[in-house]
Amino acid sequence: MTASALLAALFVGSFFHINLGPEVKAPDPYDIPTAYVITLSNDVRKEQTIDGVRPDYAWWTSFNEPVLEKCINEAFSQNRDLESALARVQQARAVFKETRGNQRPNIGVEIDTTRAYTKVGTTDTLNEQNILYGLGAANYEADLWGKLQKATRAAKESILASESAKNTVRLALASQVAKTYFSLRGTDKQLIVARETLETQKKTIALNKILYDNGKISELELRRSESIAASSAVQVSQLEIALGKYENSLLVLMGREPKEFITRDIPRGLTLDELPAPPDVPLGIPADMLRFRPDVKTAEQNYRTALANIGSARAGQYPTLSFDGLIGNPGRAINDPSDLFTGATGWSLAAQVFVPIFNAGKLSARAAQAEAAAQQAWSAYYKTVQTAFEETMNSINTQAKTEEILLLLEEQQKVQKRAYELANIRYTDGMASQIDLLDAERELLSVQLQLESSRADRLNSIVDLYTALGSGWAWRAANDLEKRDLQKPWVNKEKFSE
């Protein structure tokens, strides 16, 4: 076989490669139950089954609160953490383009210039200037073992991982805005109740001072009313502190300018008791909804990236074949660029094979590092899945119990309000002391504050459940439910097909 024929055979063969390393695929499905089971009291809510549950990524719209939606949308456009996550996605895309470019030939223009000087006496004289031009100078590395292909695949998986990481930030941001907003509105109502109660207590103190001066009540009753009012004043101050913190937190999440921290111009919408009823939580939530969690997707993509890196590292231990070519005027001196297109032109093609023989174990160590990194990514993936199950179960249980607590507090408020009315009647009729009336008033205030806090807790528990699942839920016809989604969670075969 002639040298040219061998060179041609090598060049054609360079377009085929042998894959080394494991197949790039998602981790094996986790052994999970079909659905989560929520146990609620029969009087809490009508039963909802899992038939027709599907993910709802814009879950915050289910609260029917336009102001909340506005706050979340503003956070999406202004929040600095989300901006950083978007920048990391752009960076991953740029790395992918660079890595993919390594699989293609590099073509450019090569220009070499030389100058010759002759020294005669003390004078330097330019004798000759030669310029060598080469158009279409190219080099190309044949991907015989799939090293470049695996590196490109790893870069692609990194893009998907960065996209999922961005969605993790986005989900957490929406969750933080919603919880902060609900806590803010709950504190607003608590502050109104506490201030109104404090004003009533101040009027009572003023009246008691008159009664005490006229000998109508004892000093004990006067001091008791003053003590209760002082306690209410402390509650008002504590609520004002909490309110300021919630306002500042919301401003940061929404990416507001520092000057707005002075005015604290926070939009307010409906009070929590005016909000429409939140969406019912189904008694059985499909466990495979966890595959929509962005952190689970990120962990999966990181594992796939690590698998691709194994193949690239192993291929680095094998010989490499590269080609260099040139079309132009190689080896001919041209003193004028216009001469490039005159006279003889030529081309050259050279093949180079590099066989790693001794490298002090660096290449095998690099492959071992990639394998260890894949093991770490595998462990991190299953740890992420375990954490997702833990958070979801905790959120489901918490949501169910906060619903029950809210119902109990609503009933307790009715009872305590009636007890206060009766104490007031008995005090007016002279059948009860003012201390009894003050105690009833204090207990009513305590229940009212707990009730407003519980309303916020219930909404926040639903937000936590949305966050734990990675999305909300919506209802659809049972025959639209895709059975294949329940068979292999986390894996989207079409998306990851070779």
Protein backbone atom coordinates (compact mmCIF):
# COMPACT_ATOMS: atom_id res chain seq x y z
CA MET A 1 0.00 0.00 0.00
CA THR A 2 1.37 3.41 -0.94
CA ALA A 3 1.79 6.18 1.60
CA SER A 4 -0.97 8.21 -0.01
CA ALA A 5 -3.38 5.28 0.10
CA LEU A 6 -2.58 4.64 3.76
CA LEU A 7 -3.08 8.30 4.53
CA ALA A 8 -6.43 8.30 2.77
CA ALA A 9 -7.52 5.19 4.68
CA LEU A 10 -6.57 6.77 7.98
CA PHE A 11 -8.44 9.94 7.10
CA VAL A 12 -11.63 8.08 6.18
CA GLY A 13 -11.35 5.87 9.26
CA SER A 14 -11.05 8.89 11.48
CA PHE A 15 -14.75 9.59 11.06
CA PHE A 16 -15.61 6.39 12.96
CA HIS A 17 -14.90 5.81 16.62
CA ILE A 18 -15.18 3.19 19.31
CA ASN A 19 -17.02 4.27 22.46
CA LEU A 20 -15.19 3.69 25.71
CA GLY A 21 -16.67 4.01 29.17
CA PRO A 22 -20.20 3.35 30.44
CA GLU A 23 -23.38 4.30 28.64
CA VAL A 24 -24.52 7.81 29.50
CA LYS A 25 -27.90 7.26 31.09
CA ALA A 26 -29.97 8.22 34.10
CA PRO A 27 -29.58 6.32 37.38
CA ASP A 28 -31.78 3.29 37.85
CA PRO A 29 -35.29 4.15 39.09
CA TYR A 30 -35.64 4.39 42.82
CA ASP A 31 -37.86 1.89 44.60
CA ILE A 32 -40.73 4.22 45.43
CA PRO A 33 -44.39 3.85 46.37
CA THR A 34 -47.06 4.65 43.82
CA ALA A 35 -48.38 7.59 45.81
CA TYR A 36 -48.10 9.44 49.07
CA VAL A 37 -51.00 8.86 51.43
CA ILE A 38 -52.38 11.76 53.44
CA THR A 39 -54.45 10.99 56.52
CA LEU A 40 -56.91 13.73 57.45
CA SER A 41 -59.89 14.00 59.72
CA ASN A 42 -63.15 13.29 57.90
CA ASP A 43 -64.48 16.76 58.65
CA VAL A 44 -61.47 18.61 57.26
CA ARG A 45 -62.21 18.37 53.55
CA LYS A 46 -63.86 16.29 50.91
CA GLU A 47 -61.78 13.45 49.61
CA GLN A 48 -59.64 14.04 46.54
CA THR A 49 -58.06 11.10 44.80
CA ILE A 50 -54.92 10.95 42.69
CA ASP A 51 -56.79 10.38 39.42
CA GLY A 52 -55.90 13.17 37.02
CA VAL A 53 -53.23 14.94 39.06
CA ARG A 54 -50.69 16.75 36.90
CA PRO A 55 -47.94 19.25 37.70
CA ASP A 56 -48.63 22.99 37.74
CA TYR A 57 -45.39 24.96 37.52
CA ALA A 58 -47.00 28.39 38.03
CA TRP A 59 -48.38 27.16 41.33
CA TRP A 60 -48.53 30.63 42.93
CA THR A 61 -51.44 31.56 40.65
CA SER A 62 -53.59 29.02 42.49
CA PHE A 63 -53.81 31.43 45.45
CA ASN A 64 -55.71 33.94 43.27
CA GLU A 65 -53.76 36.86 44.72
CA PRO A 66 -52.72 39.34 41.99
CA VAL A 67 -50.37 41.24 44.31
CA LEU A 68 -48.49 38.04 45.17
CA GLU A 69 -48.15 37.21 41.47
CA LYS A 70 -46.80 40.71 40.83
CA CYS A 71 -44.21 40.32 43.60
CA ILE A 72 -43.04 36.95 42.27
CA ASN A 73 -42.80 38.21 38.69
CA GLU A 74 -40.79 41.21 39.87
CA ALA A 75 -38.47 38.89 41.78
CA PHE A 76 -37.96 36.78 38.65
CA SER A 77 -36.85 39.85 36.71
CA GLN A 78 -34.76 41.58 39.39
CA ASN A 79 -33.41 39.04 41.88
CA ARG A 80 -29.61 38.82 41.92
CA ASP A 81 -29.40 35.11 42.76
CA LEU A 82 -31.53 34.28 39.73
CA GLU A 83 -29.37 36.54 37.57
CA SER A 84 -26.30 34.58 38.67
CA ALA A 85 -28.02 31.29 37.87
CA LEU A 86 -28.91 32.55 34.40
CA ALA A 87 -25.30 33.60 33.86
CA ARG A 88 -24.14 30.10 34.80
CA VAL A 89 -26.47 28.66 32.16
CA GLN A 90 -24.97 30.98 29.55
CA GLN A 91 -21.50 29.96 30.67
CA ALA A 92 -22.37 26.26 30.29
CA ARG A 93 -23.72 26.90 26.80
CA ALA A 94 -20.50 28.66 25.83
CA VAL A 95 -18.43 25.74 27.15
CA PHE A 96 -20.58 23.34 25.13
CA LYS A 97 -20.00 25.33 21.93
CA GLU A 98 -16.26 25.35 22.55
CA THR A 99 -16.16 21.62 23.29
CA ARG A 100 -18.30 20.75 20.28
CA GLY A 101 -15.97 22.82 18.12
CA ASN A 102 -13.11 20.48 19.04
CA GLN A 103 -14.82 17.78 16.97
CA ARG A 104 -14.55 19.88 13.82
CA PRO A 105 -11.48 20.81 11.81
CA ASN A 106 -9.77 24.10 12.59
CA ILE A 107 -9.26 26.13 9.42
CA GLY A 108 -7.38 29.37 9.18
CA VAL A 109 -4.79 31.39 7.29
CA GLU A 110 -1.11 30.89 7.94
CA ILE A 111 1.37 33.68 7.17
CA ASP A 112 5.10 33.44 7.85
CA THR A 113 7.50 36.28 7.23
CA THR A 114 11.29 36.43 7.30
CA ARG A 115 13.74 39.28 6.94
CA ALA A 116 17.45 39.06 6.10
CA TYR A 117 19.96 41.70 7.08
CA THR A 118 23.54 42.13 5.98
CA LYS A 119 25.88 44.27 7.99
CA VAL A 120 28.46 46.16 5.97
CA GLY A 121 30.76 48.14 8.14
CA THR A 122 28.62 50.15 10.53
CA THR A 123 25.53 50.16 8.32
CA ASP A 124 22.59 47.70 8.53
CA THR A 125 21.19 46.96 5.11
CA LEU A 126 17.89 45.15 4.39
CA ASN A 127 18.69 42.66 1.69
CA GLU A 128 15.46 40.69 1.39
CA GLN A 129 11.97 40.25 2.86
CA ASN A 130 10.16 36.99 2.17
CA ILE A 131 6.50 36.32 3.07
CA LEU A 132 5.07 32.80 2.92
CA TYR A 133 1.28 32.55 2.53
CA GLY A 134 -0.89 29.52 3.21
CA LEU A 135 -4.65 29.65 2.66
CA GLY A 136 -6.77 26.93 4.20
CA ALA A 137 -4.29 25.85 6.84
CA ALA A 138 -6.17 23.16 8.79
CA ASN A 139 -5.73 20.66 11.57
CA TYR A 140 -8.09 17.96 12.75
CA GLU A 141 -7.97 15.34 15.48
CA ALA A 142 -9.69 12.08 14.65
CA ASP A 143 -12.02 10.98 17.44
CA LEU A 144 -11.12 7.28 17.21
CA TRP A 145 -12.10 6.41 20.78
CA GLY A 146 -14.96 8.85 21.33
CA LYS A 147 -12.95 11.17 23.59
CA LEU A 148 -14.19 14.34 21.93
CA GLN A 149 -17.70 12.98 21.56
CA LYS A 150 -17.86 12.12 25.26
CA ALA A 151 -16.46 15.52 26.21
CA THR A 152 -19.14 17.17 24.09
CA ARG A 153 -21.80 14.99 25.70
CA ALA A 154 -20.52 15.94 29.14
CA ALA A 155 -20.73 19.62 28.20
CA LYS A 156 -24.28 19.10 26.96
CA GLU A 157 -25.30 17.42 30.21
CA SER A 158 -23.70 20.32 32.08
CA ILE A 159 -26.03 22.69 30.23
CA LEU A 160 -29.03 20.65 31.35
CA ALA A 161 -27.67 20.55 34.90
CA SER A 162 -27.22 24.33 34.94
CA GLU A 163 -30.74 24.76 33.56
CA SER A 164 -32.12 22.59 36.36
CA ALA A 165 -30.00 24.45 38.90
CA LYS A 166 -31.47 27.70 37.61
CA ASN A 167 -34.96 26.24 38.03
CA THR A 168 -34.02 25.24 41.58
CA VAL A 169 -33.16 28.86 42.33
CA ARG A 170 -36.36 29.98 40.62
CA LEU A 171 -38.50 27.56 42.63
CA ALA A 172 -36.84 28.56 45.90
CA LEU A 173 -37.24 32.25 45.04
CA ALA A 174 -40.96 31.92 44.32
CA SER A 175 -41.35 29.95 47.55
CA GLN A 176 -39.50 32.55 49.62
CA VAL A 177 -41.49 35.42 48.13
CA ALA A 178 -44.81 33.66 48.73
CA LYS A 179 -44.00 32.66 52.32
CA THR A 180 -42.63 36.10 53.15
CA TYR A 181 -45.69 37.76 51.65
CA PHE A 182 -48.13 35.55 53.56
CA SER A 183 -46.20 36.05 56.80
CA LEU A 184 -46.22 39.79 56.14
CA ARG A 185 -49.98 39.88 55.61
CA GLY A 186 -50.54 37.72 58.67
CA THR A 187 -48.42 40.08 60.77
CA ASP A 188 -50.35 43.04 59.33
CA LYS A 189 -53.59 41.61 60.70
CA GLN A 190 -52.02 40.64 64.01
CA LEU A 191 -50.74 44.19 64.42
CA ILE A 192 -54.18 45.63 63.72
CA VAL A 193 -55.77 43.37 66.35
CA ALA A 194 -53.04 44.06 68.91
CA ARG A 195 -53.20 47.83 68.43
CA GLU A 196 -56.99 47.90 68.68
CA THR A 197 -56.83 45.83 71.86
CA LEU A 198 -54.14 48.10 73.31
CA GLU A 199 -56.25 51.20 72.63
CA THR A 200 -59.20 49.58 74.40
CA GLN A 201 -56.99 48.68 77.35
CA LYS A 202 -55.67 52.24 77.60
CA LYS A 203 -59.24 53.51 77.81
CA THR A 204 -59.91 50.94 80.51
CA ILE A 205 -56.88 52.17 82.50
CA ALA A 206 -58.08 55.77 82.27
CA LEU A 207 -61.51 54.74 83.54
CA ASN A 208 -59.99 52.60 86.29
CA LYS A 209 -57.95 55.51 87.59
CA ILE A 210 -61.15 57.49 88.05
CA LEU A 211 -62.86 54.55 89.72
CA TYR A 212 -59.86 53.99 91.96
CA ASP A 213 -59.71 57.65 93.00
CA ASN A 214 -63.39 57.41 93.94
CA GLY A 215 -62.85 54.17 95.84
CA LYS A 216 -64.90 52.09 93.45
CA ILE A 217 -62.19 49.54 92.65
CA SER A 218 -59.14 48.24 94.46
CA GLU A 219 -55.54 49.07 93.57
CA LEU A 220 -55.12 45.43 92.54
CA GLU A 221 -57.66 45.86 89.74
CA LEU A 222 -55.98 49.09 88.60
CA ARG A 223 -52.50 47.58 88.56
CA ARG A 224 -53.75 44.44 86.85
CA SER A 225 -55.23 46.47 84.01
CA GLU A 226 -51.97 48.42 83.69
CA SER A 227 -49.96 45.20 83.61
CA ILE A 228 -52.11 43.67 80.88
CA ALA A 229 -51.85 46.86 78.81
CA ALA A 230 -48.07 46.87 79.21
CA SER A 231 -47.97 43.27 78.00
CA SER A 232 -50.05 44.23 74.97
CA ALA A 233 -47.69 47.13 74.23
CA VAL A 234 -44.78 44.70 74.22
CA GLN A 235 -46.66 42.48 71.76
CA VAL A 236 -47.26 45.47 69.49
CA SER A 237 -43.55 46.33 69.49
CA GLN A 238 -42.57 42.74 68.77
CA LEU A 239 -45.02 42.57 65.88
CA GLU A 240 -43.67 45.86 64.48
CA ILE A 241 -40.15 44.40 64.55
CA ALA A 242 -41.33 41.26 62.75
CA LEU A 243 -43.22 43.35 60.20
CA GLY A 244 -40.12 45.40 59.39
CA LYS A 245 -38.07 42.25 58.87
CA TYR A 246 -40.66 40.76 56.52
CA GLU A 247 -40.81 44.00 54.52
CA ASN A 248 -37.03 44.17 54.19
CA SER A 249 -36.82 40.50 53.22
CA LEU A 250 -39.44 40.99 50.52
CA LEU A 251 -37.58 44.02 49.16
CA VAL A 252 -34.36 42.00 48.89
CA LEU A 253 -36.14 39.08 47.19
CA MET A 254 -37.73 41.47 44.71
CA GLY A 255 -34.37 43.06 43.93
CA ARG A 256 -35.45 46.56 44.97
CA GLU A 257 -33.01 49.48 45.17
CA PRO A 258 -31.46 50.31 48.58
CA LYS A 259 -33.29 53.66 48.78
CA GLU A 260 -36.61 51.80 48.84
CA PHE A 261 -35.64 50.22 52.15
CA ILE A 262 -36.32 53.62 53.73
CA THR A 263 -39.85 54.06 52.43
CA ARG A 264 -40.70 50.33 52.49
CA ASP A 265 -43.27 50.73 49.76
CA ILE A 266 -44.57 47.18 49.86
CA PRO A 267 -47.75 46.38 47.91
CA ARG A 268 -50.58 44.89 49.92
CA GLY A 269 -53.43 42.82 48.61
CA LEU A 270 -56.20 40.90 50.30
CA THR A 271 -55.99 39.97 53.96
CA LEU A 272 -55.46 36.29 54.59
CA ASP A 273 -59.06 35.75 55.68
CA GLU A 274 -60.24 37.44 52.47
CA LEU A 275 -58.22 35.20 50.16
CA PRO A 276 -60.14 32.52 48.26
CA ALA A 277 -59.84 29.04 49.67
CA PRO A 278 -56.48 27.51 48.72
CA PRO A 279 -56.50 24.49 46.42
CA ASP A 280 -57.35 21.17 48.01
CA VAL A 281 -54.45 18.84 48.63
CA PRO A 282 -55.27 15.42 47.15
CA LEU A 283 -55.28 12.55 49.59
CA GLY A 284 -52.94 10.66 47.28
CA ILE A 285 -50.23 12.57 45.43
CA PRO A 286 -48.38 10.58 42.76
CA ALA A 287 -44.89 9.98 44.08
CA ASP A 288 -43.44 10.34 40.60
CA MET A 289 -44.19 14.07 40.77
CA LEU A 290 -40.82 14.27 42.51
CA ARG A 291 -39.16 13.87 39.13
CA PHE A 292 -40.29 17.44 38.45
CA ARG A 293 -38.12 18.71 41.29
CA PRO A 294 -35.31 20.71 39.69
CA ASP A 295 -32.74 19.61 42.27
CA VAL A 296 -33.47 15.96 41.42
CA LYS A 297 -33.03 16.80 37.74
CA THR A 298 -29.78 18.61 38.52
CA ALA A 299 -28.42 15.61 40.41
CA GLU A 300 -29.41 13.32 37.53
CA GLN A 301 -27.68 15.54 34.97
CA ASN A 302 -24.55 15.72 37.12
CA TYR A 303 -24.46 11.92 37.19
CA ARG A 304 -24.82 11.74 33.43
CA THR A 305 -22.06 14.32 33.04
CA ALA A 306 -19.79 12.22 35.24
CA LEU A 307 -20.47 9.12 33.12
CA ALA A 308 -19.54 11.00 29.97
CA ASN A 309 -16.34 12.21 31.61
CA ILE A 310 -15.34 8.59 32.30
CA GLY A 311 -15.45 7.79 28.60
CA SER A 312 -13.45 10.90 27.75
CA ALA A 313 -10.81 10.13 30.39
CA ARG A 314 -10.45 6.49 29.33
CA ALA A 315 -10.11 7.48 25.68
CA GLY A 316 -7.21 9.73 26.66
CA GLN A 317 -5.18 6.59 27.41
CA TYR A 318 -5.33 5.44 23.78
CA PRO A 319 -3.41 6.64 20.70
CA THR A 320 -4.48 9.84 18.98
CA LEU A 321 -4.57 10.48 15.25
CA SER A 322 -4.39 14.03 13.94
CA PHE A 323 -4.13 15.58 10.49
CA ASP A 324 -2.52 18.80 9.33
CA GLY A 325 -3.16 20.27 5.90
CA LEU A 326 -2.23 23.34 3.90
CA ILE A 327 -3.43 24.79 0.61
CA GLY A 328 -1.61 27.78 -0.84
CA ASN A 329 2.00 28.62 -1.67
CA PRO A 330 3.92 26.55 0.83
CA GLY A 331 7.66 26.99 0.77
CA ARG A 332 7.66 29.83 -1.84
CA ALA A 333 8.81 33.31 -1.00
CA ILE A 334 6.42 36.07 -2.05
CA ASN A 335 7.37 39.69 -1.73
CA ASP A 336 3.94 41.06 -2.69
CA PRO A 337 0.59 39.69 -1.44
CA SER A 338 -0.82 40.01 -4.95
CA ASP A 339 1.63 37.32 -6.02
CA LEU A 340 -0.33 34.84 -3.91
CA PHE A 341 -2.77 34.23 -6.74
CA THR A 342 -0.11 33.89 -9.42
CA GLY A 343 2.32 31.16 -10.12
CA ALA A 344 2.24 27.67 -8.74
CA THR A 345 0.11 26.61 -5.77
CA GLY A 346 0.19 23.40 -3.84
CA TRP A 347 -1.27 21.42 -0.98
CA SER A 348 0.00 19.19 1.75
CA LEU A 349 -1.65 16.66 4.09
CA ALA A 350 0.13 15.00 6.95
CA ALA A 351 -1.04 12.47 9.52
CA GLN A 352 0.39 12.13 13.00
CA VAL A 353 -0.16 9.28 15.43
CA PHE A 354 0.69 9.76 19.09
CA VAL A 355 0.85 6.69 21.31
CA PRO A 356 1.12 7.35 25.06
CA ILE A 357 3.73 4.94 26.42
CA PHE A 358 5.04 6.42 29.62
CA ASN A 359 3.28 9.20 31.50
CA ALA A 360 3.95 8.26 35.14
CA GLY A 361 0.38 6.98 35.55
CA LYS A 362 -1.22 10.37 34.90
CA LEU A 363 -3.70 9.15 32.31
CA SER A 364 -4.88 6.15 34.33
CA ALA A 365 -5.13 8.38 37.41
CA ARG A 366 -7.27 10.79 35.40
CA ALA A 367 -9.61 7.94 34.47
CA ALA A 368 -9.75 6.80 38.11
CA GLN A 369 -10.65 10.34 39.14
CA ALA A 370 -13.52 10.37 36.64
CA GLU A 371 -14.81 7.03 37.94
CA ALA A 372 -14.66 8.26 41.54
CA ALA A 373 -16.47 11.46 40.53
CA ALA A 374 -19.21 9.35 38.94
CA GLN A 375 -19.57 7.36 42.16
CA GLN A 376 -19.89 10.61 44.09
CA ALA A 377 -22.51 11.88 41.64
CA TRP A 378 -24.43 8.61 41.97
CA SER A 379 -24.44 8.89 45.77
CA ALA A 380 -25.41 12.56 45.57
CA TYR A 381 -28.31 11.69 43.29
CA TYR A 382 -29.81 9.12 45.63
CA LYS A 383 -29.20 11.40 48.60
CA THR A 384 -31.13 14.10 46.74
CA VAL A 385 -33.99 11.68 46.11
CA GLN A 386 -34.04 10.65 49.78
CA THR A 387 -34.08 14.29 50.85
CA ALA A 388 -36.91 14.97 48.40
CA PHE A 389 -38.98 12.17 49.94
CA GLU A 390 -38.24 13.40 53.45
CA GLU A 391 -39.20 16.99 52.65
CA THR A 392 -42.34 15.93 50.83
CA MET A 393 -43.58 13.66 53.61
CA ASN A 394 -42.86 16.35 56.21
CA SER A 395 -44.67 18.94 54.10
CA ILE A 396 -47.68 16.69 53.57
CA ASN A 397 -48.00 15.96 57.28
CA THR A 398 -47.46 19.61 58.23
CA GLN A 399 -50.04 20.82 55.72
CA ALA A 400 -52.63 18.37 57.00
CA LYS A 401 -52.05 19.33 60.64
CA THR A 402 -52.01 23.09 60.04
CA GLU A 403 -55.40 22.71 58.37
CA GLU A 404 -56.74 20.97 61.47
CA ILE A 405 -55.15 23.54 63.80
CA LEU A 406 -56.76 26.39 61.85
CA LEU A 407 -60.21 24.82 62.19
CA LEU A 408 -59.69 24.34 65.93
CA LEU A 409 -58.55 27.95 66.40
CA GLU A 410 -61.52 29.29 64.44
CA GLU A 411 -63.81 27.36 66.76
CA GLN A 412 -61.83 28.49 69.80
CA GLN A 413 -62.16 32.13 68.73
CA LYS A 414 -65.94 31.80 68.57
CA VAL A 415 -65.99 30.28 72.04
CA GLN A 416 -63.60 32.86 73.50
CA LYS A 417 -65.49 35.76 71.93
CA ARG A 418 -68.68 34.50 73.54
CA ALA A 419 -66.85 34.09 76.87
CA TYR A 420 -65.69 37.71 76.67
CA GLU A 421 -69.24 38.89 75.93
CA LEU A 422 -70.56 36.98 78.95
CA ALA A 423 -67.78 38.33 81.19
CA ASN A 424 -68.62 41.86 80.08
CA ILE A 425 -72.31 41.32 80.86
CA ARG A 426 -71.52 39.89 84.29
CA TYR A 427 -69.13 42.76 85.02
CA THR A 428 -71.77 45.32 84.00
CA ASP A 429 -74.34 43.60 86.25
CA GLY A 430 -71.85 43.56 89.11
CA MET A 431 -71.64 39.78 89.17
CA ALA A 432 -67.96 39.56 88.12
CA SER A 433 -64.84 41.53 88.90
CA GLN A 434 -62.94 43.58 86.38
CA ILE A 435 -60.10 41.09 86.70
CA ASP A 436 -62.40 38.42 85.23
CA LEU A 437 -63.21 40.75 82.34
CA LEU A 438 -59.53 41.57 81.74
CA ASP A 439 -58.61 37.89 81.76
CA ALA A 440 -61.32 37.15 79.19
CA GLU A 441 -60.08 40.02 77.02
CA ARG A 442 -56.46 38.86 77.27
CA GLU A 443 -57.39 35.30 76.32
CA LEU A 444 -59.43 36.56 73.36
CA LEU A 445 -56.46 38.59 72.11
CA SER A 446 -54.19 35.56 72.43
CA VAL A 447 -56.57 33.40 70.39
CA GLN A 448 -56.98 36.09 67.72
CA LEU A 449 -53.22 36.43 67.31
CA GLN A 450 -52.81 32.65 67.11
CA LEU A 451 -55.59 32.48 64.52
CA GLU A 452 -53.92 35.02 62.22
CA SER A 453 -50.60 33.25 62.63
CA SER A 454 -52.28 29.93 61.82
CA ARG A 455 -53.79 31.36 58.62
CA ALA A 456 -50.31 32.30 57.46
CA ASP A 457 -48.95 28.92 58.57
CA ARG A 458 -51.57 27.08 56.53
CA LEU A 459 -50.74 29.00 53.35
CA ASN A 460 -47.02 28.63 53.98
CA SER A 461 -47.43 24.89 54.46
CA ILE A 462 -49.04 24.66 51.02
CA VAL A 463 -46.12 26.65 49.59
CA ASP A 464 -43.72 24.21 51.29
CA LEU A 465 -45.56 21.30 49.70
CA TYR A 466 -45.35 22.94 46.28
CA THR A 467 -41.63 23.42 46.84
CA ALA A 468 -41.09 19.86 48.05
CA LEU A 469 -42.84 18.45 44.98
CA GLY A 470 -41.10 20.86 42.63
CA SER A 471 -44.47 22.05 41.31
CA GLY A 472 -48.10 22.45 42.21
CA TRP A 473 -50.88 20.18 41.09
CA ALA A 474 -53.90 20.54 38.87
CA TRP A 475 -56.71 18.23 37.93
CA ARG A 476 -57.29 16.60 34.56
CA ALA A 477 -59.34 13.73 33.24
CA ALA A 478 -58.19 10.36 34.50
CA ASN A 479 -57.84 8.99 30.96
CA ASP A 480 -55.28 11.73 30.23
CA LEU A 481 -52.97 10.50 32.94
CA GLU A 482 -49.91 8.98 31.32
CA LYS A 483 -49.28 5.58 32.84
CA ARG A 484 -45.70 5.54 31.63
CA ASP A 485 -44.95 8.45 33.97
CA LEU A 486 -45.63 6.16 36.92
CA GLN A 487 -43.30 3.42 35.75
CA LYS A 488 -39.90 5.12 35.61
CA PRO A 489 -39.61 8.32 37.56
CA TRP A 490 -36.86 10.83 36.80
CA VAL A 491 -36.21 9.36 33.31
CA ASN A 492 -37.32 11.11 30.11
CA LYS A 493 -36.25 8.70 27.37
CA GLU A 494 -36.92 11.06 24.49
CA LYS A 495 -34.89 13.86 25.99
CA PHE A 496 -31.82 11.74 26.66
CA SER A 497 -31.86 9.51 23.62
CA GLU A 498 -28.62 9.30 21.73
